[in-house]
Protein backbone atom coordinates (compact mmCIF):
# COMPACT_ATOMS: atom_id res chain seq x y z
CA MET A 1 -0.39 -0.17 0.03
CA GLU A 2 2.67 2.57 0.55
CA LYS A 3 3.60 2.39 -3.08
CA PHE A 4 0.13 3.56 -3.73
CA LYS A 5 0.37 6.22 -1.11
CA VAL A 6 3.38 7.64 -2.95
CA HIS A 7 2.03 7.48 -6.14
CA TYR A 8 -1.08 8.93 -5.28
CA THR A 9 0.62 11.67 -3.93
CA GLU A 10 3.13 12.47 -6.63
CA VAL A 11 -0.07 12.62 -9.58
CA LEU A 12 -1.86 15.39 -6.90
CA LEU A 13 1.77 17.13 -6.72
CA HIS A 14 1.90 17.18 -10.22
CA ARG A 15 -1.48 18.40 -10.81
CA VAL A 16 -1.21 21.66 -8.19
CA LYS A 17 2.07 21.99 -10.11
CA GLU A 18 4.56 21.05 -6.86
CA LYS A 19 7.99 19.91 -6.91
CA SER A 20 7.66 18.22 -3.56
CA SER A 21 5.82 18.59 -0.64
CA ASP A 22 7.85 20.40 1.53
CA ARG A 23 4.90 23.85 1.41
CA TYR A 24 2.61 21.13 2.71
CA GLU A 25 4.34 20.69 5.55
CA ASP A 26 5.45 23.46 6.31
CA THR A 27 1.90 24.57 6.75
CA LEU A 28 1.02 21.94 9.05
CA LYS A 29 3.36 23.53 11.66
CA ASP A 30 3.24 26.60 13.54
CA GLU A 31 5.59 29.45 13.74
CA ARG A 32 8.16 27.77 16.39
CA GLY A 33 7.77 24.78 13.62
CA GLU A 34 5.89 22.73 15.90
CA LEU A 35 2.88 20.28 14.66
CA ARG A 36 -0.19 22.49 14.29
CA ALA A 37 -2.03 18.44 15.17
CA LEU A 38 0.64 17.21 17.72
CA ASP A 39 -1.98 17.76 20.20
CA CYS A 40 -4.10 15.26 18.81
CA TYR A 41 -1.37 12.54 19.71
CA ARG A 42 -0.36 11.33 23.39
CA ASP A 43 2.84 10.03 23.21
CA THR A 44 4.73 12.68 21.52
CA HIS A 45 7.90 12.81 23.09
CA THR A 46 8.99 10.04 21.20
CA MET A 47 7.88 11.49 17.62
CA LYS A 48 10.33 13.72 15.64
CA THR A 49 8.62 16.66 13.71
CA ASP A 50 9.91 16.41 10.45
CA SER A 51 9.44 12.68 10.16
CA LEU A 52 6.03 12.86 11.50
CA ALA A 53 4.63 16.03 9.13
CA TYR A 54 5.73 13.89 6.21
CA SER A 55 3.85 10.70 7.22
CA MET A 56 0.55 13.28 7.60
CA VAL A 57 0.98 14.92 3.97
CA LEU A 58 1.92 11.37 2.35
CA ASP A 59 -1.51 9.87 3.97
CA GLY A 60 -3.21 12.71 3.90
CA CYS A 61 -2.69 13.27 0.00
CA PHE A 62 -3.44 9.57 -0.78
CA MET A 63 -6.71 10.41 1.20
CA ILE A 64 -7.79 13.30 -0.45
CA GLU A 65 -6.97 11.73 -3.89
CA LEU A 66 -8.68 9.02 -3.23
CA PHE A 67 -11.92 10.65 -2.27
CA ARG A 68 -11.17 12.31 -5.80
CA ARG A 69 -11.15 9.66 -7.78
CA ASN A 70 -14.27 8.04 -6.20
CA LYS A 71 -16.18 10.91 -7.01
CA ASN A 72 -14.71 11.48 -10.64
CA SER A 73 -12.65 8.67 -11.84
CA ASP A 74 -12.46 9.40 -15.40
CA LYS A 75 -11.08 13.09 -14.66
CA TYR A 76 -8.38 12.10 -12.31
CA THR A 77 -7.25 8.72 -12.99
CA ASP A 78 -4.04 9.12 -14.91
CA SER A 79 -4.12 5.99 -17.08
CA GLY A 80 -7.54 5.44 -17.41
CA TYR A 81 -6.61 2.12 -14.90
CA ASP A 82 -6.91 2.01 -11.09
CA ILE A 83 -6.23 -0.93 -9.52
CA LEU A 84 -7.76 0.58 -6.40
CA PHE A 85 -10.95 0.79 -8.29
CA ASN A 86 -11.08 -1.77 -10.54
CA ILE A 87 -10.43 -4.67 -8.54
CA ARG A 88 -13.73 -5.06 -6.41
CA TRP A 89 -12.40 -6.35 -2.97
CA VAL A 90 -9.85 -3.75 -2.70
CA LYS A 91 -12.40 -0.37 -2.05
CA PRO A 92 -14.27 -2.30 0.23
CA ARG A 93 -10.91 -3.11 2.64
CA LEU A 94 -9.84 0.42 2.18
CA GLU A 95 -12.74 1.56 4.03
CA HIS A 96 -12.09 -0.92 6.72
CA ASP A 97 -8.69 0.42 7.25
CA LEU A 98 -9.28 4.15 7.12
CA LEU A 99 -12.30 3.77 9.32
CA LEU A 100 -10.15 1.80 11.94
CA PHE A 101 -9.75 3.92 15.26
CA GLU A 102 -6.29 3.23 15.74
CA ASN A 103 -5.56 4.80 11.96
CA GLN A 104 -6.95 8.58 12.63
CA ILE A 105 -5.03 11.08 11.45
CA PRO A 106 -6.27 14.63 12.50
CA LEU A 107 -9.34 16.15 10.43
CA LEU A 108 -7.67 19.64 10.40
CA VAL A 109 -4.68 18.35 8.43
CA LEU A 110 -7.29 16.42 5.57
CA ARG A 111 -8.81 20.06 5.40
CA ALA A 112 -5.85 21.75 5.05
CA LEU A 113 -4.61 19.36 2.07
CA PHE A 114 -8.08 19.77 0.53
CA SER A 115 -7.54 23.46 0.83
CA LEU A 116 -4.50 23.70 -0.46
CA THR A 117 -5.00 21.36 -3.83
CA GLU A 118 -8.93 23.08 -3.93
CA GLN A 119 -7.31 25.95 -6.33
CA THR A 120 -7.41 23.64 -9.49
CA THR A 121 -9.89 20.85 -8.99
CA LYS A 122 -12.52 23.05 -7.99
CA GLU A 123 -14.48 19.94 -6.06
CA GLY A 124 -16.95 21.68 -3.94
CA HIS A 125 -17.52 20.81 -0.33
CA PHE A 126 -14.98 18.54 1.38
CA ILE A 127 -17.38 17.12 3.80
CA PRO A 128 -19.93 15.45 0.70
CA LEU A 129 -16.81 14.56 -0.99
CA VAL A 130 -15.39 12.42 1.84
CA LEU A 131 -18.19 10.92 2.84
CA SER A 132 -19.48 9.79 -0.87
CA PHE A 133 -16.40 7.21 -0.46
CA PHE A 134 -17.80 5.11 2.45
CA VAL A 135 -20.56 3.01 2.49
CA PHE A 136 -23.39 1.98 5.32
CA ASN A 137 -26.31 0.07 4.39
CA GLY A 138 -25.72 -0.73 0.61
CA LYS A 139 -25.34 3.27 -0.03
CA PRO A 140 -23.33 6.26 0.59
CA ILE A 141 -23.07 7.70 3.71
CA PRO A 142 -25.98 11.06 3.63
CA TYR A 143 -24.53 14.49 3.84
CA ASP A 144 -25.87 16.80 6.64
CA LYS A 145 -25.14 20.11 5.60
CA ASN A 146 -25.24 20.68 9.66
CA LEU A 147 -22.28 18.79 10.11
CA THR A 148 -20.26 22.14 8.46
CA THR A 149 -21.04 24.20 11.55
CA ARG A 150 -19.48 21.60 13.50
CA LEU A 151 -16.58 20.90 11.71
CA ASP A 152 -13.85 22.04 14.22
CA ASP A 153 -14.95 20.33 17.06
CA ILE A 154 -14.65 16.63 15.04
CA PRO A 155 -11.64 15.22 15.68
CA HIS A 156 -10.90 12.65 12.45
CA LEU A 157 -12.39 10.73 9.88
CA LEU A 158 -13.87 7.99 11.88
CA GLY A 159 -15.35 11.24 14.27
CA LEU A 160 -17.21 12.61 10.75
CA VAL A 161 -18.48 9.44 9.68
CA TYR A 162 -20.09 9.05 13.09
CA GLU A 163 -21.50 12.52 13.56
CA ALA A 164 -23.15 12.20 9.65
CA LEU A 165 -24.71 9.01 11.21
CA VAL A 166 -26.13 9.78 14.58
CA PRO A 167 -26.39 13.55 14.57
CA CYS A 168 -25.23 15.31 17.55
CA LYS A 169 -28.93 16.02 19.66
CA LYS A 170 -28.73 18.18 22.93
CA GLU A 171 -31.39 15.01 24.40
CA SER A 172 -33.49 12.46 23.01
CA ALA A 173 -37.46 13.01 23.70
CA LEU A 174 -37.31 9.51 24.92
CA ILE A 175 -34.88 10.32 27.89
CA SER A 176 -36.31 13.84 28.46
CA CYS A 177 -40.04 11.71 29.28
CA GLU A 178 -37.78 9.44 31.72
CA LYS A 179 -36.27 12.09 33.46
CA LYS A 180 -39.52 14.24 33.74
CA ASP A 181 -41.29 10.87 35.40
CA ARG A 182 -38.36 11.01 38.17
CA ILE A 183 -39.17 14.40 38.77
CA LEU A 184 -42.64 13.85 38.84
CA GLY A 185 -42.83 11.02 40.54
CA GLY A 186 -41.74 12.46 43.81
CA ASN A 187 -44.92 14.68 44.15
CA LYS A 188 -47.53 12.22 44.34
CA LYS A 189 -46.85 11.69 48.07
CA ALA A 190 -46.51 15.30 48.13
CA LEU A 191 -50.06 15.42 46.67
CA LEU A 192 -51.47 12.80 49.47
CA SER A 193 -49.92 14.36 51.99
CA ARG A 194 -51.42 17.63 50.97
CA GLY A 195 -54.79 16.05 50.92
CA LYS A 196 -54.32 14.76 54.19
CA GLU A 197 -53.37 18.15 55.77
CA ASP A 198 -56.53 19.84 53.94
CA LEU A 199 -58.62 17.26 55.37
CA ASP A 200 -57.54 17.66 58.89
CA SER A 201 -57.25 21.22 58.52
CA SER A 202 -61.16 21.68 56.95
CA GLU A 203 -63.76 23.91 58.60
CA GLU A 204 -67.64 23.23 58.97
CA VAL A 205 -68.87 25.58 56.30
CA GLU A 206 -72.97 25.33 55.59
CA ASP A 207 -73.62 24.25 52.61
CA LEU A 208 -75.75 27.45 51.11
CA GLU A 209 -77.89 26.54 48.41
CA LEU A 210 -77.58 22.65 48.79
CA GLY A 211 -80.05 22.05 51.62
CA PRO A 212 -78.30 21.26 55.23
CA PRO A 213 -74.86 20.63 56.01
CA LEU A 214 -73.36 17.47 55.63
CA PRO A 215 -71.99 15.81 58.45
CA ASN A 216 -68.33 15.97 59.54
CA TRP A 217 -67.22 12.76 58.47
CA LYS A 218 -68.83 12.77 55.21
CA ARG A 219 -67.19 15.89 54.10
CA LYS A 220 -63.65 14.49 55.02
CA SER A 221 -64.72 11.48 52.67
CA LEU A 222 -65.71 13.30 49.91
CA ARG A 223 -62.66 15.52 49.86
CA TRP A 224 -60.41 12.25 50.49
CA ILE A 225 -62.17 10.59 47.08
CA MET A 226 -61.75 14.17 45.26
CA TRP A 227 -58.06 13.79 46.21
CA THR A 228 -57.78 10.35 45.44
CA VAL A 229 -59.11 10.90 42.11
CA LEU A 230 -57.37 13.78 40.98
CA VAL A 231 -53.64 11.87 41.88
CA ARG A 232 -55.13 9.34 39.64
CA LEU A 233 -55.63 11.57 36.89
CA ILE A 234 -52.22 12.87 37.05
CA GLU A 235 -50.83 9.58 37.45
CA LYS A 236 -52.64 8.59 34.30
CA THR A 237 -51.36 11.65 32.57
CA PHE A 238 -48.07 12.50 33.13
CA ARG A 239 -47.57 8.19 33.99
CA LEU A 240 -46.15 9.29 37.52
CA LYS A 241 -44.03 6.29 38.85
CA THR A 242 -42.97 5.39 42.62
CA VAL A 243 -39.77 4.58 43.69
CA GLN A 244 -40.26 0.55 43.55
CA GLN A 245 -42.07 0.84 39.80
CA LEU A 246 -39.13 2.99 38.95
CA ASN A 247 -36.77 0.33 40.48
CA ASN A 248 -38.71 -2.50 38.44
CA GLU A 249 -38.56 -0.49 35.02
CA ARG A 250 -35.00 -0.04 35.75
CA LYS A 251 -34.70 -4.35 35.72
CA SER A 252 -37.08 -4.69 33.05
CA CYS A 253 -35.55 -1.94 30.90
CA GLU A 254 -32.41 -3.94 30.16
CA PHE A 255 -34.28 -6.67 27.97
CA ILE A 256 -36.39 -7.75 25.92
CA TRP A 257 -37.15 -10.98 24.40
CA THR A 258 -35.85 -12.59 20.89
CA ALA A 259 -37.32 -12.75 17.53
CA VAL A 260 -38.77 -15.72 17.72
CA ALA A 261 -40.21 -15.33 21.62
CA LEU A 262 -41.96 -11.54 20.52
CA GLU A 263 -43.46 -13.36 17.56
CA GLN A 264 -45.14 -15.92 19.77
CA VAL A 265 -46.76 -13.70 21.69
CA GLY A 266 -48.08 -11.47 18.73
CA VAL A 267 -45.71 -8.49 17.95
CA THR A 268 -45.46 -7.66 14.50
CA PHE A 269 -41.81 -6.97 12.75
CA VAL A 270 -42.25 -4.32 10.01
CA ARG A 271 -39.14 -2.79 7.81
CA VAL A 272 -38.99 0.60 7.89
CA GLU A 273 -38.47 2.81 4.86
CA ASP A 274 -34.58 3.54 4.38
CA ASN A 275 -34.61 7.32 4.36
CA VAL A 276 -34.57 7.00 8.77
CA ALA A 277 -31.81 7.04 10.64
CA PHE A 278 -30.40 3.04 11.24
CA TYR A 279 -31.07 3.38 15.06
CA ASP A 280 -34.93 4.61 14.52
CA ILE A 281 -36.52 1.94 15.97
CA LYS A 282 -40.24 2.44 16.89
CA PHE A 283 -43.28 0.14 19.13
CA SER A 284 -46.33 0.56 18.91
CA SER A 285 -49.61 -0.49 21.46
CA THR A 286 -51.04 -1.86 18.68
CA GLY A 287 -47.71 -4.57 19.15
CA VAL A 288 -46.01 -3.02 15.79
CA LEU A 289 -42.34 -3.70 16.04
CA SER A 290 -40.26 -1.12 13.44
CA ILE A 291 -36.94 -1.52 12.70
CA PRO A 292 -34.99 -0.14 9.69
CA ARG A 293 -33.21 -1.93 7.45
CA LEU A 294 -30.19 -2.83 7.88
CA VAL A 295 -27.36 -4.50 5.40
CA ILE A 296 -25.22 -7.17 7.02
CA ASP A 297 -21.75 -7.67 5.07
CA ASP A 298 -17.66 -8.53 5.55
CA ASN A 299 -17.37 -4.84 7.00
CA THR A 300 -20.46 -4.25 9.39
CA GLU A 301 -18.66 -6.22 12.00
CA SER A 302 -15.49 -3.75 11.76
CA PHE A 303 -18.04 -0.95 10.96
CA PHE A 304 -19.79 -0.81 14.29
CA ARG A 305 -16.79 -1.90 16.36
CA ASN A 306 -15.31 0.96 15.36
CA LEU A 307 -17.90 3.39 16.19
CA VAL A 308 -18.38 1.89 19.60
CA ALA A 309 -14.62 2.60 20.19
CA TYR A 310 -15.30 6.15 18.99
CA GLU A 311 -18.35 6.42 21.72
CA GLN A 312 -16.72 4.60 24.27
CA TYR A 313 -13.51 6.80 24.09
CA SER A 314 -15.01 10.21 23.53
CA GLU A 315 -14.47 12.71 26.25
CA LYS A 316 -17.49 14.51 25.51
CA ASN A 317 -20.86 14.16 27.09
CA ARG A 318 -22.43 12.30 24.58
CA LEU A 319 -25.27 9.76 24.06
CA HIS A 320 -24.21 6.34 23.03
CA ARG A 321 -26.23 5.75 20.24
CA VAL A 322 -24.87 2.91 18.59
CA VAL A 323 -23.96 0.55 21.98
CA ASP A 324 -27.68 1.22 22.82
CA TYR A 325 -28.91 0.10 19.11
CA LEU A 326 -26.47 -3.29 19.35
CA HIS A 327 -27.87 -3.52 22.87
CA VAL A 328 -31.33 -4.23 21.47
CA MET A 329 -29.91 -6.06 18.47
CA ASP A 330 -28.98 -8.26 20.84
CA CYS A 331 -31.57 -8.86 22.52
CA LEU A 332 -33.97 -9.60 19.40
CA ILE A 333 -31.33 -11.60 17.75
CA ASN A 334 -30.01 -14.63 20.21
CA THR A 335 -29.90 -17.35 17.37
CA SER A 336 -29.95 -18.17 13.81
CA LYS A 337 -33.49 -18.62 14.11
CA ASP A 338 -33.86 -14.91 15.44
CA VAL A 339 -32.06 -13.80 11.98
CA VAL A 340 -34.48 -15.71 9.82
CA VAL A 341 -37.95 -13.60 11.58
CA LEU A 342 -36.03 -10.49 10.74
CA ARG A 343 -34.72 -11.29 7.36
CA HIS A 344 -38.10 -12.89 6.39
CA CYS A 345 -39.63 -9.42 7.12
CA GLY A 346 -36.92 -7.47 5.55
CA ILE A 347 -35.07 -5.94 8.63
CA ILE A 348 -31.93 -7.93 7.56
CA ASP A 349 -30.43 -7.99 4.68
CA ASN A 350 -28.22 -10.73 5.39
CA ARG A 351 -24.81 -10.21 2.66
CA ILE A 352 -22.64 -12.76 4.39
CA GLY A 353 -24.79 -15.53 3.41
CA ASP A 354 -24.71 -17.99 7.19
CA ASP A 355 -27.46 -16.75 9.85
CA ALA A 356 -25.64 -18.31 12.05
CA LYS A 357 -22.41 -15.98 11.33
CA VAL A 358 -25.18 -12.25 11.71
CA SER A 359 -26.03 -14.13 15.42
CA THR A 360 -22.60 -14.34 16.56
CA MET A 361 -21.41 -11.24 15.38
CA PHE A 362 -24.00 -9.46 17.44
CA ASN A 363 -23.83 -10.79 20.34
CA ARG A 364 -19.99 -10.42 19.95
CA LEU A 365 -20.46 -6.63 19.14
CA CYS A 366 -21.82 -6.02 22.97
CA SER A 367 -19.30 -7.75 24.89
CA ASP A 368 -17.00 -5.80 26.96
CA VAL A 369 -18.68 -3.05 26.16
CA TYR A 370 -20.23 -0.24 28.93
CA PHE A 371 -23.72 -0.10 28.74
CA ASN A 372 -25.47 2.78 30.87
CA GLN A 373 -28.84 1.94 31.36
CA ASP A 374 -29.84 5.03 33.26
CA GLU A 375 -29.61 7.23 29.84
CA PHE A 376 -30.82 4.01 27.52
CA PHE A 377 -32.43 6.00 24.49
CA TYR A 378 -34.57 2.51 24.14
CA LYS A 379 -35.48 2.60 27.67
CA ARG A 380 -39.50 3.37 27.26
CA MET A 381 -39.96 1.17 24.25
CA PHE A 382 -38.14 -1.86 26.12
CA ASP A 383 -40.73 -0.94 28.60
CA ASP A 384 -44.02 -0.88 26.24
CA VAL A 385 -42.59 -4.23 24.71
CA ASN A 386 -42.27 -6.02 27.98
CA GLN A 387 -45.64 -5.04 29.30
CA PHE A 388 -47.41 -6.24 26.00
CA CYS A 389 -45.40 -9.86 26.38
CA MET A 390 -47.08 -9.53 30.05
CA ASP A 391 -50.59 -9.36 28.45
CA ARG A 392 -51.70 -12.80 28.23
CA ARG A 393 -54.34 -11.77 25.96
CA ASN A 394 -51.95 -11.29 23.01
CA ALA A 395 -50.47 -14.89 23.58
CA TRP A 396 -53.41 -16.31 23.22
CA LYS A 397 -54.49 -14.14 20.01
CA ALA A 398 -51.07 -14.83 18.68
CA THR A 399 -51.28 -18.50 19.03
CA LEU A 400 -55.02 -18.55 17.64
CA LYS A 401 -53.85 -16.98 14.66
CA ASN A 402 -50.99 -18.93 14.25
CA GLU A 403 -52.45 -22.01 14.63
CA TYR A 404 -55.91 -21.87 13.02
CA PHE A 405 -54.96 -18.69 10.77
CA SER A 406 -52.20 -19.31 9.18
CA SER A 407 -53.21 -20.69 5.73
CA PRO A 408 -56.29 -20.67 4.22
CA TRP A 409 -56.43 -24.49 4.71
CA SER A 410 -56.24 -24.24 8.48
CA VAL A 411 -58.80 -21.16 8.42
CA THR A 412 -61.42 -23.83 6.02
CA SER A 413 -60.86 -26.45 8.57
CA PHE A 414 -61.38 -24.32 11.45
CA ILE A 415 -64.99 -23.15 10.41
CA ALA A 416 -65.33 -26.83 9.04
CA ALA A 417 -64.95 -27.78 12.85
CA VAL A 418 -67.19 -25.07 14.27
CA LEU A 419 -70.27 -26.15 12.08
CA LEU A 420 -69.78 -29.66 13.01
CA LEU A 421 -69.61 -28.42 16.78
CA LEU A 422 -72.55 -26.08 15.64
CA PHE A 423 -74.67 -29.07 13.52
CA THR A 424 -74.02 -31.78 16.49
CA ALA A 425 -74.88 -29.10 19.33
CA THR A 426 -77.97 -28.38 17.38
CA GLN A 427 -78.98 -32.38 16.64
CA THR A 428 -78.31 -33.04 20.37
CA LEU A 429 -81.13 -30.47 21.56
CA TYR A 430 -83.20 -31.87 18.63
CA SER A 431 -83.23 -35.48 20.39
CA VAL A 432 -83.50 -33.82 23.96
CA LEU A 433 -86.38 -31.76 22.80
CA SER A 434 -88.17 -34.50 20.66
CA TYR A 435 -87.68 -36.99 23.60
CA TYR A 436 -89.74 -34.82 26.26
CA HIS A 437 -92.38 -34.09 23.78
CA SER A 438 -93.20 -37.68 23.01
CA SER A 439 -92.79 -38.44 27.05
CA SER A 440 -95.47 -35.49 27.76
């Protein structure tokens, strides 16, 4: 690969009419001759500035030229044939290597090199050029215009891909609801105590237009009933929870049943359109679990592992969307039978062939990964799913549907059995009536 790096760099320098990379190396240094990107590395005492600057320019120019050839191969391919793009397995391997967590170079280096060579290429924006090279879910990673305003806060290429797939939001609506429940949950006891205080401090007041005054015990009972009804209405409206309920919910929100088990109790899996985020999973009260399609190929495990590493080691206080998503998929998928259920629904597009490998991949991805259940993105959804599963009526309806209405023949057999039972009951009734009529 080193010879391709040198070749791409030489072609790029020749196009911009540069005899060497010295000017680019000097651009990466400050007035004292130190690298501007040196703060991005921890062990800098063993690094030599000149050699590190040359390595950055070599890798950066290679990547910029690679991205440009991917965008417009006819314009930038020097000989009409480029082995990195003409052999099919090479580009996916390059995507894998460029997104490795340990292979990252500072994004400011790539931006500087792109700006220095932009005068003659006129390729437009830097972000769409880079994102068009990487493929996720069978298509290039989408470009978000809001990324331009946050570009200074993104450390490297992997961070850019992550921010494009998981837009940074201050707080999830689901988590906001959970926090609101916790805040309002403590007010239930206060409301009840307020009602008791009012009862104790109540004074006898005559009803002016409604007849004689009520006895003291009746007024207290009536006011207690009114406060109880008010508290119940507030509980129902804001879903107030006691401490015990919150502890039980905290335990139940960690896991849900597998795809096979959920299907047996009546949960229906539906594939979401491809224009939504991969982690946009929703559950409705009717038992429909909507999950976006996920393409599984040879790079999927490595892709998610690098995103997880970026989340786990990021110094920013971010919400772990990828880890939470993988936790959901790990709960749904335990064996190859669960993969079959999701694959038949179009949720999983298995391009590696073996369903057992897919289940093993998801089970491995969540191993030894920090999981924050207090800020779990799907906490409310897990609670709704578990409540749906605990309702026996849903299991009964699913059993009736799967065993007696799964095919036209089973429906016909069920109707025939019901009719036979009705005819038998009718015949028995007529026989009993005729016996009593003859006796009389």
